[in-house]
């Protein structure tokens, strides 16, 4: 079978996986309903009945079951990340991109199992870090299953890798993956989500720092880590000449588009799954909250994508698919920290701001001479910061009370709005300082030891050819060579 046809067939694999996940979810929700249809209206979403194997007792679905299922959706995002990154990269570096993402997944799992989960969700030591549950046995604590929380850490790690693509040693990725999985993401997750952390219990404020599903803990941390790494690593050869930025187009725009849509699909696991953690008791309120969360993030992504596309087209005179895809992901990133606390109109405002901010930061980084091949830092760090601050202005007090039990809201609602905004600024600032410190230390040492960047010959020839035994598309290379004189 020709390589081109085989490649087209492989793109059907994510679609098949999607259908399988939806089928499993439908079976989980509908099981037991056939024999007990008269009581369907009185059962909550988290109390679906079914006959347990070998017993007459009904099986009760817990919030952890639904959280775990949404964790599978978040893991599915890795396919989207890989697809988008490989499409944005050049053909000569595809094998390197695929391998480093695979290494990140495996090493992050080991680090999170041994240490990361304990630092994030173990018994608090002085409100700073968890001190128990090392080498987790998979049990759930506070409706936070190991697998679900691992996918958050994994997304954080993967975001940073996009900023470093096409000129970084393979050795760099496992090093920073270990640092982020052990010392950065778990500590910040403990500050933000542990009820007895210093940020939630020792500030003297009646309000809590609001980060619904990881706008600061995942996206700001990952984007800032990648931004610092990209600045220390330097731009790709040919990206800037005489201070002027020159585009380096990727090799497969279809992979970029498909990857973005896969990420959008998996993002519902991020936000909807987190709803079950806040409302583990289930019931009609939880069902309504999940529906609102799904609506808000859909609106935010849609408005952000349209805004970035229109603004970019006005500036350049062309309609850029990559800008549209990045814009919708910026909207998703902005929604992650506040989607459960906003009304739909506020989600639309957030999306418009996220689309504008993405285009602005992307242009600013180019003017500063920073090369971020996927615009990951503009998408995730910039929009993550925006999403955290939006909660300080637009969070609805009744939703905040419903989710975290605090009588606080955004400034526009005048319910402890100033204190809520202050908590958002405090938590965001501390998270960014902690992240920047570790990123500067990690990438600075690697650069000092000359382990951060590949040599010029390797970068020009392609990392695949020099370090991975050849290109990802050998047939394509043979066709190109056969058209040249002398072959």
Protein backbone atom coordinates (compact mmCIF):
# COMPACT_ATOMS: atom_id res chain seq x y z
CA UNK A 1 0.00 0.00 0.00
CA UNK A 2 1.44 3.44 -0.91
CA UNK A 3 2.57 5.55 2.01
CA UNK A 4 0.13 8.38 1.20
CA UNK A 5 -2.86 6.01 1.34
CA UNK A 6 -1.61 4.45 4.57
CA UNK A 7 -1.26 7.91 6.12
CA UNK A 8 -4.84 8.76 5.21
CA UNK A 9 -6.07 5.56 6.83
CA UNK A 10 -4.20 6.28 10.06
CA UNK A 11 -6.15 9.52 10.41
CA UNK A 12 -9.29 7.46 10.82
CA UNK A 13 -7.94 5.94 14.06
CA UNK A 14 -8.80 8.98 16.24
CA UNK A 15 -12.32 8.96 14.81
CA UNK A 16 -12.74 5.30 15.69
CA UNK A 17 -11.44 5.98 19.21
CA UNK A 18 -13.92 8.84 19.57
CA UNK A 19 -16.86 6.64 18.58
CA UNK A 20 -15.69 3.96 21.03
CA UNK A 21 -15.46 6.44 23.93
CA UNK A 22 -18.92 7.81 23.23
CA UNK A 23 -20.33 4.28 23.04
CA UNK A 24 -18.80 3.35 26.39
CA UNK A 25 -20.21 6.47 27.99
CA UNK A 26 -23.67 5.79 26.60
CA UNK A 27 -23.61 2.23 27.92
CA UNK A 28 -22.51 3.47 31.35
CA UNK A 29 -25.35 5.95 31.59
CA UNK A 30 -28.03 3.69 30.17
CA UNK A 31 -27.20 0.43 31.96
CA UNK A 32 -29.98 -0.71 34.22
CA UNK A 33 -32.49 1.69 32.69
CA UNK A 34 -34.26 -1.01 30.69
CA UNK A 35 -35.50 -2.91 33.75
CA UNK A 36 -36.37 0.10 35.82
CA UNK A 37 -37.76 2.68 33.44
CA UNK A 38 -40.51 3.81 35.80
CA UNK A 39 -37.93 5.22 38.21
CA UNK A 40 -35.71 6.91 35.62
CA UNK A 41 -37.05 10.39 36.30
CA UNK A 42 -36.17 10.23 39.98
CA UNK A 43 -32.61 8.92 39.61
CA UNK A 44 -29.76 11.40 39.48
CA UNK A 45 -26.94 11.22 36.99
CA UNK A 46 -24.60 9.73 39.54
CA UNK A 47 -27.07 7.12 40.80
CA UNK A 48 -27.78 5.00 37.72
CA UNK A 49 -28.85 1.50 38.74
CA UNK A 50 -27.71 -1.81 37.27
CA UNK A 51 -27.43 -5.34 38.45
CA UNK A 52 -24.03 -6.17 39.88
CA UNK A 53 -22.49 -9.37 38.66
CA UNK A 54 -23.74 -12.33 40.68
CA UNK A 55 -25.74 -10.26 43.16
CA UNK A 56 -29.19 -8.76 43.45
CA UNK A 57 -27.84 -5.43 44.79
CA UNK A 58 -27.97 -2.43 42.43
CA UNK A 59 -24.65 -0.92 41.40
CA UNK A 60 -24.33 2.78 42.15
CA UNK A 61 -22.17 4.95 39.93
CA UNK A 62 -20.04 7.30 42.01
CA UNK A 63 -18.65 10.66 40.99
CA UNK A 64 -15.21 9.04 40.68
CA UNK A 65 -16.53 6.78 37.91
CA UNK A 66 -17.55 9.76 35.84
CA UNK A 67 -14.37 11.66 36.68
CA UNK A 68 -12.33 8.67 35.51
CA UNK A 69 -14.29 8.46 32.27
CA UNK A 70 -13.59 12.12 31.59
CA UNK A 71 -9.94 11.41 32.31
CA UNK A 72 -9.96 9.14 29.27
CA UNK A 73 -11.16 12.10 27.20
CA UNK A 74 -8.32 14.24 28.52
CA UNK A 75 -5.79 11.56 27.63
CA UNK A 76 -7.29 11.55 24.13
CA UNK A 77 -6.01 15.13 23.88
CA UNK A 78 -2.49 13.72 23.54
CA UNK A 79 -3.43 12.54 20.05
CA UNK A 80 -4.51 16.09 19.27
CA UNK A 81 -1.30 17.57 20.68
CA UNK A 82 0.86 15.19 18.65
CA UNK A 83 -1.16 15.76 15.48
CA UNK A 84 -1.08 19.55 15.78
CA UNK A 85 2.62 19.69 16.67
CA UNK A 86 3.76 17.32 13.95
CA UNK A 87 1.67 19.23 11.38
CA UNK A 88 3.12 22.58 12.44
CA UNK A 89 6.64 21.15 12.28
CA UNK A 90 8.69 20.40 9.19
CA UNK A 91 8.83 16.92 7.70
CA UNK A 92 12.49 16.50 8.65
CA UNK A 93 11.65 16.62 12.39
CA UNK A 94 8.41 14.61 12.59
CA UNK A 95 9.97 11.44 14.01
CA UNK A 96 11.64 13.48 16.76
CA UNK A 97 8.32 15.15 17.64
CA UNK A 98 6.50 11.82 17.84
CA UNK A 99 9.20 10.22 19.99
CA UNK A 100 9.57 13.07 22.47
CA UNK A 101 5.82 13.19 23.08
CA UNK A 102 5.78 9.45 23.72
CA UNK A 103 8.70 9.76 26.14
CA UNK A 104 6.92 12.62 27.95
CA UNK A 105 3.80 10.49 28.45
CA UNK A 106 5.66 7.50 29.87
CA UNK A 107 8.01 9.43 32.15
CA UNK A 108 5.24 11.70 33.44
CA UNK A 109 3.22 8.62 34.43
CA UNK A 110 6.11 7.22 36.45
CA UNK A 111 6.89 10.53 38.17
CA UNK A 112 3.24 11.23 38.99
CA UNK A 113 2.76 7.73 40.43
CA UNK A 114 5.88 7.86 42.60
CA UNK A 115 5.92 11.45 43.85
CA UNK A 116 3.72 13.94 42.00
CA UNK A 117 0.32 12.70 43.17
CA UNK A 118 1.51 12.70 46.78
CA UNK A 119 2.87 16.25 46.58
CA UNK A 120 -0.39 17.46 45.05
CA UNK A 121 -3.09 15.58 46.99
CA UNK A 122 -1.38 14.08 50.05
CA UNK A 123 -1.94 15.33 53.60
CA UNK A 124 -0.79 18.93 53.70
CA UNK A 125 2.55 19.72 55.30
CA UNK A 126 2.28 23.26 56.60
CA UNK A 127 -0.11 24.16 53.81
CA UNK A 128 2.72 24.06 51.27
CA UNK A 129 3.00 20.52 49.89
CA UNK A 130 1.48 17.06 50.27
CA UNK A 131 3.39 14.61 52.44
CA UNK A 132 1.60 11.26 52.02
CA UNK A 133 0.32 8.75 49.40
CA UNK A 134 3.64 8.26 47.64
CA UNK A 135 3.72 5.42 45.10
CA UNK A 136 -0.06 5.57 44.78
CA UNK A 137 -2.07 2.35 44.65
CA UNK A 138 -4.74 4.01 42.49
CA UNK A 139 -7.25 4.82 45.21
CA UNK A 140 -9.25 8.04 44.96
CA UNK A 141 -8.92 10.73 47.59
CA UNK A 142 -11.52 13.49 47.64
CA UNK A 143 -13.01 12.35 44.29
CA UNK A 144 -9.61 12.84 42.63
CA UNK A 145 -8.58 9.56 40.98
CA UNK A 146 -4.89 9.12 40.18
CA UNK A 147 -5.52 8.73 36.46
CA UNK A 148 -7.64 11.87 36.14
CA UNK A 149 -5.11 14.04 37.95
CA UNK A 150 -2.25 12.51 35.95
CA UNK A 151 -3.83 13.65 32.69
CA UNK A 152 -3.76 17.22 34.04
CA UNK A 153 -0.05 16.98 34.75
CA UNK A 154 0.56 15.35 31.38
CA UNK A 155 -1.22 18.18 29.55
CA UNK A 156 0.93 20.69 31.42
CA UNK A 157 4.09 18.91 30.29
CA UNK A 158 2.94 18.56 26.69
CA UNK A 159 2.11 22.26 26.38
CA UNK A 160 5.70 23.21 27.13
CA UNK A 161 7.15 20.78 24.60
CA UNK A 162 5.53 22.62 21.69
CA UNK A 163 7.52 25.78 22.45
CA UNK A 164 10.83 23.92 22.11
CA UNK A 165 10.16 21.97 18.92
CA UNK A 166 12.63 21.47 16.05
CA UNK A 167 15.89 22.60 17.68
CA UNK A 168 16.13 20.96 21.09
CA UNK A 169 18.03 17.85 22.21
CA UNK A 170 15.80 14.87 22.94
CA UNK A 171 17.50 14.71 26.36
CA UNK A 172 15.89 18.04 27.32
CA UNK A 173 12.34 16.69 27.33
CA UNK A 174 12.68 13.99 30.01
CA UNK A 175 14.62 16.42 32.20
CA UNK A 176 12.01 19.15 32.23
CA UNK A 177 9.20 16.57 32.30
CA UNK A 178 10.57 15.21 35.57
CA UNK A 179 10.95 18.71 37.02
CA UNK A 180 7.43 19.80 36.08
CA UNK A 181 5.86 16.49 37.19
CA UNK A 182 7.61 16.46 40.57
CA UNK A 183 8.41 20.03 41.63
CA UNK A 184 6.21 22.47 39.72
CA UNK A 185 2.72 21.27 38.81
CA UNK A 186 2.08 19.17 41.98
CA UNK A 187 3.06 21.97 44.35
CA UNK A 188 0.87 24.54 42.62
CA UNK A 189 -1.99 22.03 42.41
CA UNK A 190 -1.70 21.59 46.18
CA UNK A 191 -1.82 25.34 46.78
CA UNK A 192 -4.86 25.80 44.56
CA UNK A 193 -6.99 22.72 45.21
CA UNK A 194 -6.07 21.38 48.66
CA UNK A 195 -8.64 22.79 51.14
CA UNK A 196 -6.01 23.20 53.87
CA UNK A 197 -3.28 24.79 51.74
CA UNK A 198 -1.86 28.17 52.64
CA UNK A 199 -3.67 29.79 49.70
CA UNK A 200 -7.07 28.46 50.75
CA UNK A 201 -6.87 28.56 54.53
CA UNK A 202 -4.14 30.93 55.72
CA UNK A 203 -4.74 34.21 53.91
CA UNK A 204 -7.56 35.45 56.14
CA UNK A 205 -9.76 36.16 53.14
CA UNK A 206 -13.39 34.98 52.95
CA UNK A 207 -12.77 34.16 49.28
CA UNK A 208 -10.86 31.31 47.65
CA UNK A 209 -8.58 31.42 44.66
CA UNK A 210 -10.75 30.23 41.78
CA UNK A 211 -9.26 27.89 39.19
CA UNK A 212 -12.05 25.64 38.02
CA UNK A 213 -10.10 23.08 35.96
CA UNK A 214 -6.51 24.24 35.66
CA UNK A 215 -6.25 27.58 33.89
CA UNK A 216 -3.37 28.48 36.19
CA UNK A 217 -2.33 25.02 37.40
CA UNK A 218 -2.08 23.53 33.90
CA UNK A 219 -2.11 26.13 31.14
CA UNK A 220 -0.28 29.05 32.70
CA UNK A 221 2.34 26.73 34.18
CA UNK A 222 2.88 24.83 30.93
CA UNK A 223 2.86 27.92 28.73
CA UNK A 224 5.24 29.90 30.96
CA UNK A 225 7.64 26.96 31.25
CA UNK A 226 7.72 26.62 27.47
CA UNK A 227 8.12 30.37 26.95
CA UNK A 228 11.18 30.55 29.20
CA UNK A 229 12.63 27.47 27.51
CA UNK A 230 12.09 28.99 24.05
CA UNK A 231 13.73 32.26 25.09
CA UNK A 232 16.81 30.52 26.48
CA UNK A 233 17.03 28.09 23.58
CA UNK A 234 16.82 30.76 20.91
CA UNK A 235 14.97 30.78 17.57
CA UNK A 236 15.23 28.19 14.84
CA UNK A 237 17.73 28.91 12.07
CA UNK A 238 16.09 31.10 9.45
CA UNK A 239 13.22 32.23 11.69
CA UNK A 240 14.62 35.76 11.98
CA UNK A 241 16.89 37.57 9.56
CA UNK A 242 18.11 41.11 10.26
CA UNK A 243 15.51 41.40 13.01
CA UNK A 244 12.63 40.53 10.71
CA UNK A 245 10.53 37.44 11.41
CA UNK A 246 10.11 34.95 8.56
CA UNK A 247 7.45 32.27 8.63
CA UNK A 248 8.54 28.63 8.68
CA UNK A 249 5.44 26.78 7.51
CA UNK A 250 4.61 23.32 8.75
CA UNK A 251 4.40 20.33 6.45
CA UNK A 252 0.76 19.22 6.96
CA UNK A 253 -2.03 21.70 7.59
CA UNK A 254 -4.63 18.92 7.74
CA UNK A 255 -2.94 17.49 10.83
CA UNK A 256 -3.09 20.91 12.45
CA UNK A 257 -6.83 21.20 11.85
CA UNK A 258 -7.60 17.63 12.93
CA UNK A 259 -5.41 18.00 16.00
CA UNK A 260 -7.21 21.17 17.05
CA UNK A 261 -10.61 19.51 16.79
CA UNK A 262 -9.37 16.49 18.77
CA UNK A 263 -8.13 18.86 21.47
CA UNK A 264 -11.51 20.59 21.54
CA UNK A 265 -13.22 17.24 21.99
CA UNK A 266 -10.88 16.14 24.77
CA UNK A 267 -11.23 19.51 26.50
CA UNK A 268 -14.78 18.60 27.50
CA UNK A 269 -13.18 16.03 29.79
CA UNK A 270 -11.14 18.78 31.43
CA UNK A 271 -14.04 21.02 32.30
CA UNK A 272 -17.04 18.70 32.52
CA UNK A 273 -15.04 16.12 34.47
CA UNK A 274 -13.95 18.73 36.99
CA UNK A 275 -17.59 19.57 37.66
CA UNK A 276 -18.07 16.15 39.26
CA UNK A 277 -15.23 16.91 41.69
CA UNK A 278 -16.89 20.11 42.89
CA UNK A 279 -20.35 18.50 42.98
CA UNK A 280 -19.61 14.90 43.94
CA UNK A 281 -23.06 14.52 45.51
CA UNK A 282 -24.61 14.49 42.03
CA UNK A 283 -28.30 15.18 41.56
CA UNK A 284 -30.11 17.61 39.32
CA UNK A 285 -27.85 20.50 40.35
CA UNK A 286 -24.79 18.62 39.11
CA UNK A 287 -26.51 17.77 35.84
CA UNK A 288 -27.43 21.41 35.29
CA UNK A 289 -23.92 22.54 36.18
CA UNK A 290 -22.32 20.10 33.71
CA UNK A 291 -24.61 21.35 30.95
CA UNK A 292 -23.74 24.95 31.76
CA UNK A 293 -20.02 24.17 31.75
CA UNK A 294 -20.23 22.48 28.34
CA UNK A 295 -22.20 25.43 26.94
CA UNK A 296 -19.82 28.04 28.32
CA UNK A 297 -16.66 26.41 27.00
CA UNK A 298 -18.24 25.86 23.58
CA UNK A 299 -19.23 29.52 23.34
CA UNK A 300 -15.85 30.71 24.60
CA UNK A 301 -13.93 28.61 22.07
CA UNK A 302 -16.22 29.56 19.19
CA UNK A 303 -16.11 33.31 19.87
CA UNK A 304 -12.33 33.22 20.38
CA UNK A 305 -11.71 31.34 17.13
CA UNK A 306 -13.93 33.68 15.12
CA UNK A 307 -12.41 36.78 16.74
CA UNK A 308 -8.82 35.75 16.04
CA UNK A 309 -9.66 34.77 12.45
CA UNK A 310 -11.40 38.08 11.68
CA UNK A 311 -8.76 40.25 13.37
CA UNK A 312 -5.92 38.40 11.66
CA UNK A 313 -7.61 38.63 8.27
CA UNK A 314 -8.00 42.40 8.67
CA UNK A 315 -4.31 42.72 9.50
CA UNK A 316 -2.92 40.42 6.81
CA UNK A 317 -5.59 40.28 4.13
CA UNK A 318 -5.74 36.47 4.24
CA UNK A 319 -7.74 33.92 6.20
CA UNK A 320 -5.23 31.79 8.09
CA UNK A 321 -6.37 28.33 9.20
CA UNK A 322 -3.60 28.06 11.80
CA UNK A 323 -4.66 31.34 13.42
CA UNK A 324 -8.26 30.14 13.57
CA UNK A 325 -7.24 26.85 15.20
CA UNK A 326 -4.94 28.57 17.68
CA UNK A 327 -7.62 31.13 18.47
CA UNK A 328 -10.20 28.52 19.41
CA UNK A 329 -7.63 26.78 21.62
CA UNK A 330 -6.91 30.13 23.27
CA UNK A 331 -10.62 30.36 24.05
CA UNK A 332 -10.58 26.88 25.53
CA UNK A 333 -7.54 27.75 27.66
CA UNK A 334 -9.22 30.93 28.90
CA UNK A 335 -12.39 29.03 29.80
CA UNK A 336 -10.60 26.37 31.84
CA UNK A 337 -10.16 28.44 34.99
CA UNK A 338 -13.61 30.05 35.08
CA UNK A 339 -16.08 28.01 33.02
CA UNK A 340 -18.03 26.82 36.06
CA UNK A 341 -18.35 30.29 37.55
CA UNK A 342 -19.58 32.28 34.53
CA UNK A 343 -22.86 32.91 32.77
CA UNK A 344 -22.99 32.33 28.98
CA UNK A 345 -22.73 36.03 28.16
CA UNK A 346 -19.61 36.29 30.31
CA UNK A 347 -18.15 33.27 28.48
CA UNK A 348 -18.67 35.10 25.17
CA UNK A 349 -16.85 38.16 26.52
CA UNK A 350 -14.02 35.92 27.70
CA UNK A 351 -13.79 34.30 24.27
CA UNK A 352 -13.60 37.65 22.48
CA UNK A 353 -10.85 38.84 24.82
CA UNK A 354 -8.96 35.55 24.41
CA UNK A 355 -9.03 35.80 20.61
CA UNK A 356 -7.74 39.37 20.68
CA UNK A 357 -5.11 38.57 23.31
CA UNK A 358 -3.80 35.56 21.37
CA UNK A 359 -3.27 37.59 18.19
CA UNK A 360 -1.62 40.39 20.17
CA UNK A 361 0.76 38.18 22.15
CA UNK A 362 1.70 36.16 19.07
CA UNK A 363 2.68 39.35 17.24
CA UNK A 364 4.52 40.67 20.30
CA UNK A 365 6.64 37.53 20.67
CA UNK A 366 7.72 37.79 17.03
CA UNK A 367 8.74 41.41 17.55
CA UNK A 368 10.73 40.32 20.61
CA UNK A 369 12.54 37.68 18.56
CA UNK A 370 11.03 34.74 20.46
CA UNK A 371 10.40 31.65 18.35
CA UNK A 372 7.45 29.57 19.54
CA UNK A 373 6.69 27.19 16.63
CA UNK A 374 3.17 26.38 17.82
CA UNK A 375 2.36 29.67 19.59
CA UNK A 376 1.86 27.52 22.69
CA UNK A 377 2.91 30.24 25.11
CA UNK A 378 0.50 32.76 23.56
CA UNK A 379 -2.32 30.21 23.55
CA UNK A 380 -1.89 28.70 26.99
CA UNK A 381 0.04 31.14 29.16
CA UNK A 382 -1.60 34.32 27.88
CA UNK A 383 -5.13 32.91 27.84
CA UNK A 384 -4.59 31.07 31.12
CA UNK A 385 -3.73 34.36 32.82
CA UNK A 386 -6.73 36.02 31.22
CA UNK A 387 -9.08 33.28 32.40
CA UNK A 388 -7.89 33.55 36.00
CA UNK A 389 -8.38 37.32 36.03
CA UNK A 390 -11.82 37.10 34.42
CA UNK A 391 -13.06 35.22 37.48
CA UNK A 392 -12.15 38.25 39.57
CA UNK A 393 -14.45 40.41 37.46
CA UNK A 394 -17.24 38.20 36.09
CA UNK A 395 -17.64 35.21 38.44
CA UNK A 396 -21.29 34.89 39.48
CA UNK A 397 -21.65 34.68 43.30
CA UNK A 398 -24.33 31.96 43.22
CA UNK A 399 -22.12 29.73 41.06
CA UNK A 400 -19.11 30.33 43.29
CA UNK A 401 -21.20 29.40 46.33
CA UNK A 402 -22.45 26.28 44.54
CA UNK A 403 -18.96 25.09 43.59
CA UNK A 404 -16.66 26.12 46.44
CA UNK A 405 -18.99 27.32 49.21
CA UNK A 406 -17.77 30.94 49.37
CA UNK A 407 -19.98 34.02 49.32
CA UNK A 408 -17.80 35.80 46.80
CA UNK A 409 -18.04 36.90 43.20
CA UNK A 410 -16.58 39.11 40.53
CA UNK A 411 -16.24 42.86 40.82
CA UNK A 412 -19.30 43.48 38.61
CA UNK A 413 -21.51 41.68 41.15
CA UNK A 414 -20.24 43.68 44.18
CA UNK A 415 -20.15 40.58 46.42
CA UNK A 416 -16.67 40.70 47.97
CA UNK A 417 -15.52 41.45 44.43
CA UNK A 418 -12.40 43.30 45.49
CA UNK A 419 -11.31 40.46 47.76
CA UNK A 420 -11.98 37.91 45.03
CA UNK A 421 -9.90 39.84 42.52
CA UNK A 422 -7.16 40.16 45.11
CA UNK A 423 -7.14 36.39 45.66
CA UNK A 424 -6.92 35.84 41.90
CA UNK A 425 -3.92 38.15 41.65
CA UNK A 426 -2.23 36.55 44.67
CA UNK A 427 -2.65 32.97 43.50
CA UNK A 428 -1.67 33.76 39.92
CA UNK A 429 1.44 35.71 40.95
CA UNK A 430 2.69 32.98 43.29
CA UNK A 431 2.08 30.28 40.70
CA UNK A 432 3.98 32.18 38.02
CA UNK A 433 6.93 32.99 40.29
CA UNK A 434 7.26 29.34 41.35
CA UNK A 435 7.05 28.18 37.74
CA UNK A 436 9.51 30.76 36.42
CA UNK A 437 12.05 29.92 39.13
CA UNK A 438 12.13 26.23 38.23
CA UNK A 439 12.05 26.88 34.48
CA UNK A 440 14.98 29.30 34.65
CA UNK A 441 16.93 26.87 36.84
CA UNK A 442 16.26 23.84 34.64
CA UNK A 443 16.82 25.36 31.20
CA UNK A 444 19.62 27.59 32.45
CA UNK A 445 21.64 24.60 33.69
CA UNK A 446 20.99 22.69 30.46
CA UNK A 447 22.15 25.66 28.42
CA UNK A 448 25.23 26.10 30.59
CA UNK A 449 26.14 22.46 30.01
CA UNK A 450 25.48 22.87 26.25
CA UNK A 451 22.74 20.24 26.38
CA UNK A 452 19.80 22.45 25.46
CA UNK A 453 20.13 22.86 21.71
CA UNK A 454 21.26 20.62 18.86
CA UNK A 455 24.21 21.76 16.72
CA UNK A 456 23.74 23.71 13.51
CA UNK A 457 24.43 20.75 11.23
CA UNK A 458 21.77 18.62 12.95
CA UNK A 459 19.20 21.39 12.81
CA UNK A 460 19.77 22.07 9.11
CA UNK A 461 19.79 18.40 8.10
CA UNK A 462 16.84 17.56 10.34
CA UNK A 463 16.88 15.92 13.74
CA UNK A 464 15.28 12.80 12.24
CA UNK A 465 18.18 12.26 9.86
CA UNK A 466 20.90 12.84 12.44
CA UNK A 467 19.50 11.30 15.63
CA UNK A 468 16.61 8.97 14.71
CA UNK A 469 17.85 6.88 11.83
CA UNK A 470 16.18 8.69 8.96
CA UNK A 471 13.13 10.71 7.95
CA UNK A 472 9.55 9.92 8.90
CA UNK A 473 8.55 9.90 5.21
CA UNK A 474 11.27 7.99 3.31
CA UNK A 475 9.12 7.55 0.20
CA UNK A 476 8.52 11.29 0.05
CA UNK A 477 12.27 11.91 0.25
CA UNK A 478 12.95 9.41 -2.52
CA UNK A 479 10.41 11.14 -4.76
CA UNK A 480 12.00 14.54 -4.13
CA UNK A 481 15.47 13.17 -4.89
CA UNK A 482 14.30 11.45 -8.06
CA UNK A 483 13.17 14.81 -9.50
CA UNK A 484 16.62 16.33 -9.06
CA UNK A 485 19.28 16.20 -11.80
CA UNK A 486 21.81 13.44 -11.19
CA UNK A 487 19.44 11.03 -9.41
